[in-house]
Amino acid sequence: MTTPLKATCHCGAVELRVTLEGGFEAARRCDCSFCRRRGAAAVTAPLDQLEIVKGADKLTLYQWGTNTARHYFCSVCGIYTHHQRRSDPTQYGINLGCIEGVNPRDHEPIGWVDGVHHPSDR
């Protein structure tokens, strides 16, 4: 998918422009202790294909464990917008539900990745 897409948090304070790698078919959910609580499906964008159009000052960073993954949330509405992946730090996972005009339900079934048994935890 080479067309940049718009992604926003719920309140609109944060806006991203992303170009996906693998399109919507590559959407996945993770079952690590954090992601299974969050429940959002994510699609992939290379680091250089995500631009914060507005609201960089509204993004809050959350990290834990190895501190490799960097999870970003809107500090106003609390919506997870994207994260830099632990499994591949050269990629962002983008919250599928934040992409304008996209309903994750339309892409079911969405597969799962095994975050519980992540190779970095061994």
PDB file of N, CA and C in Angstrom:
ATOM      1  N   MET A   1       0.856  -1.173   0.000  1.00  0.00           N
ATOM      2  CA  MET A   1       0.000   0.000   0.000  1.00  0.00           C
ATOM      3  C   MET A   1       0.894   1.225   0.000  1.00  0.00           C
ATOM      4  N   THR A   2       0.856   1.998  -1.079  1.00  0.00           N
ATOM      5  CA  THR A   2       1.770   3.127  -1.211  1.00  0.00           C
ATOM      6  C   THR A   2       1.104   4.475  -0.966  1.00  0.00           C
ATOM      7  N   THR A   3      -0.193   4.497  -0.790  1.00  0.00           N
ATOM      8  CA  THR A   3      -0.910   5.744  -0.530  1.00  0.00           C
ATOM      9  C   THR A   3      -0.868   6.053   0.954  1.00  0.00           C
ATOM     10  N   PRO A   4      -0.387   7.252   1.322  1.00  0.00           N
ATOM     11  CA  PRO A   4      -0.399   7.604   2.746  1.00  0.00           C
ATOM     12  C   PRO A   4      -1.829   7.659   3.283  1.00  0.00           C
ATOM     13  N   LEU A   5      -1.995   7.174   4.508  1.00  0.00           N
ATOM     14  CA  LEU A   5      -3.290   7.150   5.182  1.00  0.00           C
ATOM     15  C   LEU A   5      -3.252   8.062   6.395  1.00  0.00           C
ATOM     16  N   LYS A   6      -4.408   8.547   6.781  1.00  0.00           N
ATOM     17  CA  LYS A   6      -4.543   9.386   7.966  1.00  0.00           C
ATOM     18  C   LYS A   6      -4.997   8.516   9.134  1.00  0.00           C
ATOM     19  N   ALA A   7      -4.330   8.687  10.263  1.00  0.00           N
ATOM     20  CA  ALA A   7      -4.714   7.991  11.488  1.00  0.00           C
ATOM     21  C   ALA A   7      -4.818   9.028  12.595  1.00  0.00           C
ATOM     22  N   THR A   8      -5.859   8.914  13.412  1.00  0.00           N
ATOM     23  CA  THR A   8      -6.057   9.878  14.493  1.00  0.00           C
ATOM     24  C   THR A   8      -6.473   9.157  15.764  1.00  0.00           C
ATOM     25  N   CYS A   9      -6.249   9.829  16.878  1.00  0.00           N
ATOM     26  CA  CYS A   9      -6.798   9.352  18.145  1.00  0.00           C
ATOM     27  C   CYS A   9      -8.296   9.683  18.152  1.00  0.00           C
ATOM     28  N   HIS A  10      -8.982   9.390  19.227  1.00  0.00           N
ATOM     29  CA  HIS A  10     -10.426   9.631  19.289  1.00  0.00           C
ATOM     30  C   HIS A  10     -10.778  11.111  19.267  1.00  0.00           C
ATOM     31  N   CYS A  11     -10.041  11.919  20.023  1.00  0.00           N
ATOM     32  CA  CYS A  11     -10.382  13.349  20.136  1.00  0.00           C
ATOM     33  C   CYS A  11      -9.802  14.199  19.009  1.00  0.00           C
ATOM     34  N   GLY A  12      -8.898  13.627  18.215  1.00  0.00           N
ATOM     35  CA  GLY A  12      -8.308  14.359  17.098  1.00  0.00           C
ATOM     36  C   GLY A  12      -7.084  15.186  17.449  1.00  0.00           C
ATOM     37  N   ALA A  13      -6.652  15.135  18.691  1.00  0.00           N
ATOM     38  CA  ALA A  13      -5.467  15.904  19.090  1.00  0.00           C
ATOM     39  C   ALA A  13      -4.199  15.373  18.431  1.00  0.00           C
ATOM     40  N   VAL A  14      -4.169  14.070  18.129  1.00  0.00           N
ATOM     41  CA  VAL A  14      -3.021  13.442  17.480  1.00  0.00           C
ATOM     42  C   VAL A  14      -3.433  12.985  16.090  1.00  0.00           C
ATOM     43  N   GLU A  15      -2.617  13.348  15.118  1.00  0.00           N
ATOM     44  CA  GLU A  15      -2.858  12.914  13.735  1.00  0.00           C
ATOM     45  C   GLU A  15      -1.553  12.398  13.151  1.00  0.00           C
ATOM     46  N   LEU A  16      -1.632  11.243  12.518  1.00  0.00           N
ATOM     47  CA  LEU A  16      -0.478  10.615  11.871  1.00  0.00           C
ATOM     48  C   LEU A  16      -0.741  10.483  10.382  1.00  0.00           C
ATOM     49  N   ARG A  17       0.328  10.487   9.607  1.00  0.00           N
ATOM     50  CA  ARG A  17       0.266  10.119   8.190  1.00  0.00           C
ATOM     51  C   ARG A  17       1.155   8.887   8.060  1.00  0.00           C
ATOM     52  N   VAL A  18       0.588   7.783   7.589  1.00  0.00           N
ATOM     53  CA  VAL A  18       1.335   6.526   7.515  1.00  0.00           C
ATOM     54  C   VAL A  18       1.174   5.872   6.144  1.00  0.00           C
ATOM     55  N   THR A  19       2.226   5.209   5.732  1.00  0.00           N
ATOM     56  CA  THR A  19       2.183   4.367   4.544  1.00  0.00           C
ATOM     57  C   THR A  19       2.447   2.954   5.024  1.00  0.00           C
ATOM     58  N   LEU A  20       1.492   2.085   4.799  1.00  0.00           N
ATOM     59  CA  LEU A  20       1.562   0.728   5.332  1.00  0.00           C
ATOM     60  C   LEU A  20       2.432  -0.188   4.490  1.00  0.00           C
ATOM     61  N   GLU A  21       3.020  -1.138   5.186  1.00  0.00           N
ATOM     62  CA  GLU A  21       3.755  -2.226   4.554  1.00  0.00           C
ATOM     63  C   GLU A  21       2.917  -3.480   4.766  1.00  0.00           C
ATOM     64  N   GLY A  22       2.459  -4.092   3.701  1.00  0.00           N
ATOM     65  CA  GLY A  22       1.649  -5.301   3.848  1.00  0.00           C
ATOM     66  C   GLY A  22       0.159  -5.035   3.862  1.00  0.00           C
ATOM     67  N   GLY A  23      -0.248  -3.785   3.859  1.00  0.00           N
ATOM     68  CA  GLY A  23      -1.662  -3.453   3.804  1.00  0.00           C
ATOM     69  C   GLY A  23      -2.455  -3.927   5.010  1.00  0.00           C
ATOM     70  N   PHE A  24      -3.756  -3.940   4.866  1.00  0.00           N
ATOM     71  CA  PHE A  24      -4.654  -4.322   5.958  1.00  0.00           C
ATOM     72  C   PHE A  24      -4.654  -5.828   6.197  1.00  0.00           C
ATOM     73  N   GLU A  25      -4.286  -6.599   5.171  1.00  0.00           N
ATOM     74  CA  GLU A  25      -4.262  -8.056   5.312  1.00  0.00           C
ATOM     75  C   GLU A  25      -3.225  -8.500   6.344  1.00  0.00           C
ATOM     76  N   ALA A  26      -2.241  -7.653   6.615  1.00  0.00           N
ATOM     77  CA  ALA A  26      -1.177  -7.980   7.574  1.00  0.00           C
ATOM     78  C   ALA A  26      -1.565  -7.629   9.016  1.00  0.00           C
ATOM     79  N   ALA A  27      -2.803  -7.196   9.236  1.00  0.00           N
ATOM     80  CA  ALA A  27      -3.238  -6.825  10.602  1.00  0.00           C
ATOM     81  C   ALA A  27      -3.113  -8.026  11.531  1.00  0.00           C
ATOM     82  N   ARG A  28      -2.622  -7.773  12.741  1.00  0.00           N
ATOM     83  CA  ARG A  28      -2.454  -8.817  13.754  1.00  0.00           C
ATOM     84  C   ARG A  28      -2.734  -8.254  15.137  1.00  0.00           C
ATOM     85  N   ARG A  29      -3.084  -9.160  16.034  1.00  0.00           N
ATOM     86  CA  ARG A  29      -3.181  -8.845  17.456  1.00  0.00           C
ATOM     87  C   ARG A  29      -2.096  -9.637  18.160  1.00  0.00           C
ATOM     88  N   CYS A  30      -1.649  -9.144  19.284  1.00  0.00           N
ATOM     89  CA  CYS A  30      -0.600  -9.799  20.066  1.00  0.00           C
ATOM     90  C   CYS A  30      -1.187 -10.214  21.412  1.00  0.00           C
ATOM     91  N   ASP A  31      -0.690 -11.335  21.940  1.00  0.00           N
ATOM     92  CA  ASP A  31      -1.211 -11.812  23.223  1.00  0.00           C
ATOM     93  C   ASP A  31      -0.236 -11.622  24.386  1.00  0.00           C
ATOM     94  N   CYS A  32       0.727 -10.690  24.245  1.00  0.00           N
ATOM     95  CA  CYS A  32       1.606 -10.404  25.388  1.00  0.00           C
ATOM     96  C   CYS A  32       0.766  -9.778  26.502  1.00  0.00           C
ATOM     97  N   SER A  33       1.337  -9.653  27.678  1.00  0.00           N
ATOM     98  CA  SER A  33       0.579  -9.179  28.841  1.00  0.00           C
ATOM     99  C   SER A  33      -0.018  -7.790  28.623  1.00  0.00           C
ATOM    100  N   PHE A  34       0.623  -6.967  27.842  1.00  0.00           N
ATOM    101  CA  PHE A  34       0.129  -5.619  27.587  1.00  0.00           C
ATOM    102  C   PHE A  34      -0.898  -5.597  26.459  1.00  0.00           C
ATOM    103  N   CYS A  35      -0.543  -6.166  25.330  1.00  0.00           N
ATOM    104  CA  CYS A  35      -1.414  -6.097  24.150  1.00  0.00           C
ATOM    105  C   CYS A  35      -2.740  -6.811  24.346  1.00  0.00           C
ATOM    106  N   ARG A  36      -2.733  -7.919  25.067  1.00  0.00           N
ATOM    107  CA  ARG A  36      -4.022  -8.612  25.234  1.00  0.00           C
ATOM    108  C   ARG A  36      -4.976  -7.779  26.061  1.00  0.00           C
ATOM    109  N   ARG A  37      -4.474  -6.913  26.915  1.00  0.00           N
ATOM    110  CA  ARG A  37      -5.339  -5.998  27.665  1.00  0.00           C
ATOM    111  C   ARG A  37      -5.824  -4.852  26.779  1.00  0.00           C
ATOM    112  N   ARG A  38      -4.948  -4.419  25.896  1.00  0.00           N
ATOM    113  CA  ARG A  38      -5.278  -3.319  24.989  1.00  0.00           C
ATOM    114  C   ARG A  38      -6.233  -3.786  23.904  1.00  0.00           C
ATOM    115  N   GLY A  39      -5.993  -4.971  23.324  1.00  0.00           N
ATOM    116  CA  GLY A  39      -6.903  -5.579  22.368  1.00  0.00           C
ATOM    117  C   GLY A  39      -6.921  -5.008  20.963  1.00  0.00           C
ATOM    118  N   ALA A  40      -6.122  -4.032  20.677  1.00  0.00           N
ATOM    119  CA  ALA A  40      -6.156  -3.399  19.357  1.00  0.00           C
ATOM    120  C   ALA A  40      -5.393  -4.213  18.329  1.00  0.00           C
ATOM    121  N   ALA A  41      -5.936  -4.306  17.135  1.00  0.00           N
ATOM    122  CA  ALA A  41      -5.220  -4.898  16.003  1.00  0.00           C
ATOM    123  C   ALA A  41      -4.277  -3.844  15.443  1.00  0.00           C
ATOM    124  N   ALA A  42      -3.112  -4.286  14.990  1.00  0.00           N
ATOM    125  CA  ALA A  42      -2.126  -3.355  14.445  1.00  0.00           C
ATOM    126  C   ALA A  42      -1.715  -3.762  13.041  1.00  0.00           C
ATOM    127  N   VAL A  43      -1.422  -2.755  12.235  1.00  0.00           N
ATOM    128  CA  VAL A  43      -0.849  -2.945  10.909  1.00  0.00           C
ATOM    129  C   VAL A  43       0.558  -2.352  10.935  1.00  0.00           C
ATOM    130  N   THR A  44       1.337  -2.608   9.912  1.00  0.00           N
ATOM    131  CA  THR A  44       2.766  -2.285   9.929  1.00  0.00           C
ATOM    132  C   THR A  44       3.119  -1.107   9.031  1.00  0.00           C
ATOM    133  N   ALA A  45       4.035  -0.259   9.545  1.00  0.00           N
ATOM    134  CA  ALA A  45       4.640   0.812   8.759  1.00  0.00           C
ATOM    135  C   ALA A  45       6.122   0.884   9.114  1.00  0.00           C
ATOM    136  N   PRO A  46       6.996   1.018   8.122  1.00  0.00           N
ATOM    137  CA  PRO A  46       8.405   1.244   8.425  1.00  0.00           C
ATOM    138  C   PRO A  46       8.564   2.570   9.177  1.00  0.00           C
ATOM    139  N   LEU A  47       9.628   2.696   9.966  1.00  0.00           N
ATOM    140  CA  LEU A  47       9.828   3.915  10.763  1.00  0.00           C
ATOM    141  C   LEU A  47       9.774   5.178   9.917  1.00  0.00           C
ATOM    142  N   ASP A  48      10.340   5.122   8.713  1.00  0.00           N
ATOM    143  CA  ASP A  48      10.375   6.334   7.885  1.00  0.00           C
ATOM    144  C   ASP A  48       9.061   6.606   7.154  1.00  0.00           C
ATOM    145  N   GLN A  49       8.038   5.775   7.391  1.00  0.00           N
ATOM    146  CA  GLN A  49       6.747   5.956   6.738  1.00  0.00           C
ATOM    147  C   GLN A  49       5.650   6.389   7.706  1.00  0.00           C
ATOM    148  N   LEU A  50       6.050   6.904   8.855  1.00  0.00           N
ATOM    149  CA  LEU A  50       5.094   7.467   9.803  1.00  0.00           C
ATOM    150  C   LEU A  50       5.520   8.895  10.103  1.00  0.00           C
ATOM    151  N   GLU A  51       4.595   9.803   9.919  1.00  0.00           N
ATOM    152  CA  GLU A  51       4.830  11.211  10.217  1.00  0.00           C
ATOM    153  C   GLU A  51       3.773  11.665  11.219  1.00  0.00           C
ATOM    154  N   ILE A  52       4.216  12.332  12.274  1.00  0.00           N
ATOM    155  CA  ILE A  52       3.274  12.933  13.218  1.00  0.00           C
ATOM    156  C   ILE A  52       2.910  14.296  12.651  1.00  0.00           C
ATOM    157  N   VAL A  53       1.700  14.400  12.134  1.00  0.00           N
ATOM    158  CA  VAL A  53       1.231  15.621  11.481  1.00  0.00           C
ATOM    159  C   VAL A  53       0.903  16.679  12.523  1.00  0.00           C
ATOM    160  N   LYS A  54       0.251  16.243  13.614  1.00  0.00           N
ATOM    161  CA  LYS A  54      -0.034  17.165  14.718  1.00  0.00           C
ATOM    162  C   LYS A  54      -0.165  16.376  16.010  1.00  0.00           C
ATOM    163  N   GLY A  55       0.086  17.069  17.097  1.00  0.00           N
ATOM    164  CA  GLY A  55      -0.119  16.484  18.407  1.00  0.00           C
ATOM    165  C   GLY A  55       1.068  15.747  19.002  1.00  0.00           C
ATOM    166  N   ALA A  56       2.263  15.958  18.483  1.00  0.00           N
ATOM    167  CA  ALA A  56       3.431  15.291  19.070  1.00  0.00           C
ATOM    168  C   ALA A  56       3.531  15.605  20.561  1.00  0.00           C
ATOM    169  N   ASP A  57       3.156  16.807  20.930  1.00  0.00           N
ATOM    170  CA  ASP A  57       3.201  17.214  22.336  1.00  0.00           C
ATOM    171  C   ASP A  57       2.093  16.570  23.169  1.00  0.00           C
ATOM    172  N   LYS A  58       1.130  15.938  22.518  1.00  0.00           N
ATOM    173  CA  LYS A  58       0.030  15.251  23.220  1.00  0.00           C
ATOM    174  C   LYS A  58       0.283  13.753  23.380  1.00  0.00           C
ATOM    175  N   LEU A  59       1.341  13.244  22.751  1.00  0.00           N
ATOM    176  CA  LEU A  59       1.638  11.821  22.849  1.00  0.00           C
ATOM    177  C   LEU A  59       2.345  11.491  24.157  1.00  0.00           C
ATOM    178  N   THR A  60       1.919  10.420  24.774  1.00  0.00           N
ATOM    179  CA  THR A  60       2.527   9.904  25.996  1.00  0.00           C
ATOM    180  C   THR A  60       3.166   8.562  25.656  1.00  0.00           C
ATOM    181  N   LEU A  61       4.374   8.354  26.162  1.00  0.00           N
ATOM    182  CA  LEU A  61       5.120   7.126  25.909  1.00  0.00           C
ATOM    183  C   LEU A  61       4.988   6.175  27.093  1.00  0.00           C
ATOM    184  N   TYR A  62       4.750   4.896  26.785  1.00  0.00           N
ATOM    185  CA  TYR A  62       4.732   3.855  27.814  1.00  0.00           C
ATOM    186  C   TYR A  62       5.708   2.758  27.418  1.00  0.00           C
ATOM    187  N   GLN A  63       6.596   2.390  28.353  1.00  0.00           N
ATOM    188  CA  GLN A  63       7.546   1.296  28.149  1.00  0.00           C
ATOM    189  C   GLN A  63       7.621   0.459  29.411  1.00  0.00           C
ATOM    190  N   TRP A  64       8.015  -0.776  29.259  1.00  0.00           N
ATOM    191  CA  TRP A  64       8.220  -1.658  30.413  1.00  0.00           C
ATOM    192  C   TRP A  64       9.124  -2.800  29.974  1.00  0.00           C
ATOM    193  N   GLY A  65       9.477  -3.678  30.896  1.00  0.00           N
ATOM    194  CA  GLY A  65      10.271  -4.868  30.579  1.00  0.00           C
ATOM    195  C   GLY A  65      11.611  -4.519  29.970  1.00  0.00           C
ATOM    196  N   THR A  66      11.829  -4.904  28.720  1.00  0.00           N
ATOM    197  CA  THR A  66      13.105  -4.661  28.047  1.00  0.00           C
ATOM    198  C   THR A  66      13.251  -3.208  27.586  1.00  0.00           C
ATOM    199  N   ASN A  67      12.186  -2.434  27.661  1.00  0.00           N
ATOM    200  CA  ASN A  67      12.164  -1.032  27.209  1.00  0.00           C
ATOM    201  C   ASN A  67      12.504  -0.882  25.726  1.00  0.00           C
ATOM    202  N   THR A  68      12.312  -1.941  24.957  1.00  0.00           N
ATOM    203  CA  THR A  68      12.546  -1.873  23.515  1.00  0.00           C
ATOM    204  C   THR A  68      11.321  -1.318  22.812  1.00  0.00           C
ATOM    205  N   ALA A  69      10.152  -1.860  23.116  1.00  0.00           N
ATOM    206  CA  ALA A  69       8.907  -1.366  22.514  1.00  0.00           C
ATOM    207  C   ALA A  69       8.574   0.002  23.098  1.00  0.00           C
ATOM    208  N   ARG A  70       8.051   0.856  22.247  1.00  0.00           N
ATOM    209  CA  ARG A  70       7.677   2.215  22.658  1.00  0.00           C
ATOM    210  C   ARG A  70       6.217   2.415  22.254  1.00  0.00           C
ATOM    211  N   HIS A  71       5.318   2.414  23.230  1.00  0.00           N
ATOM    212  CA  HIS A  71       3.875   2.507  22.988  1.00  0.00           C
ATOM    213  C   HIS A  71       3.420   3.945  23.201  1.00  0.00           C
ATOM    214  N   TYR A  72       2.715   4.494  22.206  1.00  0.00           N
ATOM    215  CA  TYR A  72       2.290   5.896  22.247  1.00  0.00           C
ATOM    216  C   TYR A  72       0.771   5.998  22.373  1.00  0.00           C
ATOM    217  N   PHE A  73       0.347   6.925  23.229  1.00  0.00           N
ATOM    218  CA  PHE A  73      -1.059   7.163  23.528  1.00  0.00           C
ATOM    219  C   PHE A  73      -1.327   8.656  23.513  1.00  0.00           C
ATOM    220  N   CYS A  74      -2.538   9.031  23.166  1.00  0.00           N
ATOM    221  CA  CYS A  74      -2.947  10.432  23.276  1.00  0.00           C
ATOM    222  C   CYS A  74      -3.158  10.747  24.755  1.00  0.00           C
ATOM    223  N   SER A  75      -2.536  11.805  25.238  1.00  0.00           N
ATOM    224  CA  SER A  75      -2.676  12.185  26.648  1.00  0.00           C
ATOM    225  C   SER A  75      -4.035  12.816  26.943  1.00  0.00           C
ATOM    226  N   VAL A  76      -4.782  13.157  25.913  1.00  0.00           N
ATOM    227  CA  VAL A  76      -6.097  13.771  26.099  1.00  0.00           C
ATOM    228  C   VAL A  76      -7.178  12.691  26.197  1.00  0.00           C
ATOM    229  N   CYS A  77      -7.273  11.820  25.191  1.00  0.00           N
ATOM    230  CA  CYS A  77      -8.353  10.824  25.168  1.00  0.00           C
ATOM    231  C   CYS A  77      -7.904   9.416  25.554  1.00  0.00           C
ATOM    232  N   GLY A  78      -6.602   9.178  25.633  1.00  0.00           N
ATOM    233  CA  GLY A  78      -6.090   7.885  26.076  1.00  0.00           C
ATOM    234  C   GLY A  78      -5.968   6.817  25.008  1.00  0.00           C
ATOM    235  N   ILE A  79      -6.269   7.138  23.764  1.00  0.00           N
ATOM    236  CA  ILE A  79      -6.237   6.127  22.705  1.00  0.00           C
ATOM    237  C   ILE A  79      -4.810   5.814  22.284  1.00  0.00           C
ATOM    238  N   TYR A  80      -4.515   4.495  22.194  1.00  0.00           N
ATOM    239  CA  TYR A  80      -3.240   4.023  21.661  1.00  0.00           C
ATOM    240  C   TYR A  80      -3.247   4.261  20.161  1.00  0.00           C
ATOM    241  N   THR A  81      -2.248   4.976  19.663  1.00  0.00           N
ATOM    242  CA  THR A  81      -2.172   5.269  18.231  1.00  0.00           C
ATOM    243  C   THR A  81      -1.168   4.387  17.506  1.00  0.00           C
ATOM    244  N   HIS A  82       0.001   4.164  18.137  1.00  0.00           N
ATOM    245  CA  HIS A  82       1.036   3.388  17.464  1.00  0.00           C
ATOM    246  C   HIS A  82       2.111   2.976  18.462  1.00  0.00           C
ATOM    247  N   HIS A  83       2.963   2.062  18.022  1.00  0.00           N
ATOM    248  CA  HIS A  83       4.104   1.662  18.853  1.00  0.00           C
ATOM    249  C   HIS A  83       5.268   1.240  17.976  1.00  0.00           C
ATOM    250  N   GLN A  84       6.475   1.475  18.476  1.00  0.00           N
ATOM    251  CA  GLN A  84       7.671   0.944  17.833  1.00  0.00           C
ATOM    252  C   GLN A  84       7.833  -0.469  18.363  1.00  0.00           C
ATOM    253  N   ARG A  85       7.962  -1.412  17.468  1.00  0.00           N
ATOM    254  CA  ARG A  85       7.894  -2.823  17.846  1.00  0.00           C
ATOM    255  C   ARG A  85       9.148  -3.353  18.528  1.00  0.00           C
ATOM    256  N   ARG A  86       8.934  -4.239  19.471  1.00  0.00           N
ATOM    257  CA  ARG A  86      10.027  -4.969  20.094  1.00  0.00           C
ATOM    258  C   ARG A  86      10.504  -6.063  19.154  1.00  0.00           C
ATOM    259  N   SER A  87       9.564  -6.700  18.457  1.00  0.00           N
ATOM    260  CA  SER A  87       9.919  -7.795  17.553  1.00  0.00           C
ATOM    261  C   SER A  87      10.744  -7.309  16.362  1.00  0.00           C
ATOM    262  N   ASP A  88      10.546  -6.069  15.948  1.00  0.00           N
ATOM    263  CA  ASP A  88      11.325  -5.464  14.872  1.00  0.00           C
ATOM    264  C   ASP A  88      11.327  -3.951  15.086  1.00  0.00           C
ATOM    265  N   PRO A  89      12.342  -3.408  15.769  1.00  0.00           N
ATOM    266  CA  PRO A  89      12.383  -1.983  16.082  1.00  0.00           C
ATOM    267  C   PRO A  89      12.486  -1.056  14.868  1.00  0.00           C
ATOM    268  N   THR A  90      12.575  -1.633  13.651  1.00  0.00           N
ATOM    269  CA  THR A  90      12.578  -0.799  12.447  1.00  0.00           C
ATOM    270  C   THR A  90      11.157  -0.573  11.935  1.00  0.00           C
ATOM    271  N   GLN A  91      10.174  -1.067  12.685  1.00  0.00           N
ATOM    272  CA  GLN A  91       8.771  -0.944  12.275  1.00  0.00           C
ATOM    273  C   GLN A  91       7.924  -0.321  13.382  1.00  0.00           C
ATOM    274  N   TYR A  92       6.864   0.318  12.926  1.00  0.00           N
ATOM    275  CA  TYR A  92       5.793   0.746  13.826  1.00  0.00           C
ATOM    276  C   TYR A  92       4.604  -0.173  13.634  1.00  0.00           C
ATOM    277  N   GLY A  93       3.903  -0.438  14.712  1.00  0.00           N
ATOM    278  CA  GLY A  93       2.581  -1.035  14.649  1.00  0.00           C
ATOM    279  C   GLY A  93       1.601   0.117  14.781  1.00  0.00           C
ATOM    280  N   ILE A  94       0.660   0.222  13.872  1.00  0.00           N
ATOM    281  CA  ILE A  94      -0.325   1.301  13.862  1.00  0.00           C
ATOM    282  C   ILE A  94      -1.670   0.712  14.264  1.00  0.00           C
ATOM    283  N   ASN A  95      -2.352   1.345  15.193  1.00  0.00           N
ATOM    284  CA  ASN A  95      -3.671   0.892  15.618  1.00  0.00           C
ATOM    285  C   ASN A  95      -4.617   0.937  14.420  1.00  0.00           C
ATOM    286  N   LEU A  96      -5.054  -0.228  13.978  1.00  0.00           N
ATOM    287  CA  LEU A  96      -5.941  -0.321  12.818  1.00  0.00           C
ATOM    288  C   LEU A  96      -7.191   0.526  13.007  1.00  0.00           C
ATOM    289  N   GLY A  97      -7.704   0.581  14.218  1.00  0.00           N
ATOM    290  CA  GLY A  97      -8.912   1.352  14.494  1.00  0.00           C
ATOM    291  C   GLY A  97      -8.729   2.860  14.437  1.00  0.00           C
ATOM    292  N   CYS A  98      -7.493   3.335  14.371  1.00  0.00           N
ATOM    293  CA  CYS A  98      -7.219   4.773  14.281  1.00  0.00           C
ATOM    294  C   CYS A  98      -7.150   5.269  12.844  1.00  0.00           C
ATOM    295  N   ILE A  99      -7.107   4.350  11.881  1.00  0.00           N
ATOM    296  CA  ILE A  99      -6.988   4.750  10.485  1.00  0.00           C
ATOM    297  C   ILE A  99      -8.341   5.210   9.978  1.00  0.00           C
ATOM    298  N   GLU A 100      -8.336   6.407   9.420  1.00  0.00           N
ATOM    299  CA  GLU A 100      -9.574   7.034   8.956  1.00  0.00           C
ATOM    300  C   GLU A 100     -10.311   6.147   7.955  1.00  0.00           C
ATOM    301  N   GLY A 101     -11.603   5.930   8.228  1.00  0.00           N
ATOM    302  CA  GLY A 101     -12.456   5.159   7.338  1.00  0.00           C
ATOM    303  C   GLY A 101     -12.335   3.654   7.481  1.00  0.00           C
ATOM    304  N   VAL A 102     -11.577   3.182   8.473  1.00  0.00           N
ATOM    305  CA  VAL A 102     -11.366   1.742   8.642  1.00  0.00           C
ATOM    306  C   VAL A 102     -12.060   1.256   9.908  1.00  0.00           C
ATOM    307  N   ASN A 103     -12.805   0.176   9.791  1.00  0.00           N
ATOM    308  CA  ASN A 103     -13.394  -0.501  10.941  1.00  0.00           C
ATOM    309  C   ASN A 103     -12.720  -1.872  11.031  1.00  0.00           C
ATOM    310  N   PRO A 104     -11.979  -2.149  12.116  1.00  0.00           N
ATOM    311  CA  PRO A 104     -11.299  -3.444  12.227  1.00  0.00           C
ATOM    312  C   PRO A 104     -12.223  -4.637  12.014  1.00  0.00           C
ATOM    313  N   ARG A 105     -13.461  -4.489  12.357  1.00  0.00           N
ATOM    314  CA  ARG A 105     -14.426  -5.580  12.179  1.00  0.00           C
ATOM    315  C   ARG A 105     -14.503  -6.042  10.723  1.00  0.00           C
ATOM    316  N   ASP A 106     -14.300  -5.108   9.797  1.00  0.00           N
ATOM    317  CA  ASP A 106     -14.351  -5.435   8.376  1.00  0.00           C
ATOM    318  C   ASP A 106     -13.176  -6.298   7.925  1.00  0.00           C
ATOM    319  N   HIS A 107     -12.176  -6.455   8.787  1.00  0.00           N
ATOM    320  CA  HIS A 107     -10.970  -7.215   8.431  1.00  0.00           C
ATOM    321  C   HIS A 107     -10.839  -8.518   9.211  1.00  0.00           C
ATOM    322  N   GLU A 108     -11.899  -8.891   9.913  1.00  0.00           N
ATOM    323  CA  GLU A 108     -11.901 -10.161  10.644  1.00  0.00           C
ATOM    324  C   GLU A 108     -11.991 -11.325   9.656  1.00  0.00           C
ATOM    325  N   PRO A 109     -11.424 -12.478   9.975  1.00  0.00           N
ATOM    326  CA  PRO A 109     -10.712 -12.718  11.224  1.00  0.00           C
ATOM    327  C   PRO A 109      -9.303 -12.117  11.174  1.00  0.00           C
ATOM    328  N   ILE A 110      -8.887 -11.528  12.269  1.00  0.00           N
ATOM    329  CA  ILE A 110      -7.553 -10.951  12.401  1.00  0.00           C
ATOM    330  C   ILE A 110      -6.714 -11.936  13.212  1.00  0.00           C
ATOM    331  N   GLY A 111      -5.573 -12.296  12.672  1.00  0.00           N
ATOM    332  CA  GLY A 111      -4.703 -13.281  13.305  1.00  0.00           C
ATOM    333  C   GLY A 111      -4.017 -12.755  14.563  1.00  0.00           C
ATOM    334  N   TRP A 112      -3.391 -13.685  15.268  1.00  0.00           N
ATOM    335  CA  TRP A 112      -2.685 -13.386  16.508  1.00  0.00           C
ATOM    336  C   TRP A 112      -1.215 -13.742  16.367  1.00  0.00           C
ATOM    337  N   VAL A 113      -0.363 -12.989  17.068  1.00  0.00           N
ATOM    338  CA  VAL A 113       1.051 -13.346  17.189  1.00  0.00           C
ATOM    339  C   VAL A 113       1.317 -13.730  18.635  1.00  0.00           C
ATOM    340  N   ASP A 114       2.274 -14.601  18.838  1.00  0.00           N
ATOM    341  CA  ASP A 114       2.601 -15.105  20.169  1.00  0.00           C
ATOM    342  C   ASP A 114       3.579 -14.163  20.878  1.00  0.00           C
ATOM    343  N   GLY A 115       3.038 -13.201  21.594  1.00  0.00           N
ATOM    344  CA  GLY A 115       3.858 -12.281  22.371  1.00  0.00           C
ATOM    345  C   GLY A 115       4.208 -12.814  23.746  1.00  0.00           C
ATOM    346  N   VAL A 116       3.502 -13.847  24.187  1.00  0.00           N
ATOM    347  CA  VAL A 116       3.768 -14.457  25.487  1.00  0.00           C
ATOM    348  C   VAL A 116       5.143 -15.128  25.480  1.00  0.00           C
ATOM    349  N   HIS A 117       5.490 -15.757  24.365  1.00  0.00           N
ATOM    350  CA  HIS A 117       6.754 -16.479  24.248  1.00  0.00           C
ATOM    351  C   HIS A 117       7.710 -15.741  23.317  1.00  0.00           C
ATOM    352  N   HIS A 118       7.882 -14.461  23.540  1.00  0.00           N
ATOM    353  CA  HIS A 118       8.739 -13.629  22.698  1.00  0.00           C
ATOM    354  C   HIS A 118      10.201 -14.059  22.823  1.00  0.00           C
ATOM    355  N   PRO A 119      10.921 -14.173  21.705  1.00  0.00           N
ATOM    356  CA  PRO A 119      12.326 -14.612  21.744  1.00  0.00           C
ATOM    357  C   PRO A 119      13.220 -13.729  22.632  1.00  0.00           C
ATOM    358  N   SER A 120      12.904 -12.450  22.787  1.00  0.00           N
ATOM    359  CA  SER A 120      13.711 -11.566  23.637  1.00  0.00           C
ATOM    360  C   SER A 120      13.592 -11.899  25.107  1.00  0.00           C
ATOM    361  N   ASP A 121      12.594 -12.695  25.474  1.00  0.00           N
ATOM    362  CA  ASP A 121      12.386 -13.034  26.873  1.00  0.00           C
ATOM    363  C   ASP A 121      13.150 -14.285  27.293  1.00  0.00           C
ATOM    364  N   ARG A 122      13.856 -14.888  26.386  1.00  0.00           N
ATOM    365  CA  ARG A 122      14.593 -16.132  26.708  1.00  0.00           C
ATOM    366  C   ARG A 122      16.003 -15.848  27.102  1.00  0.00           C
TER     367      ARG A 122
END
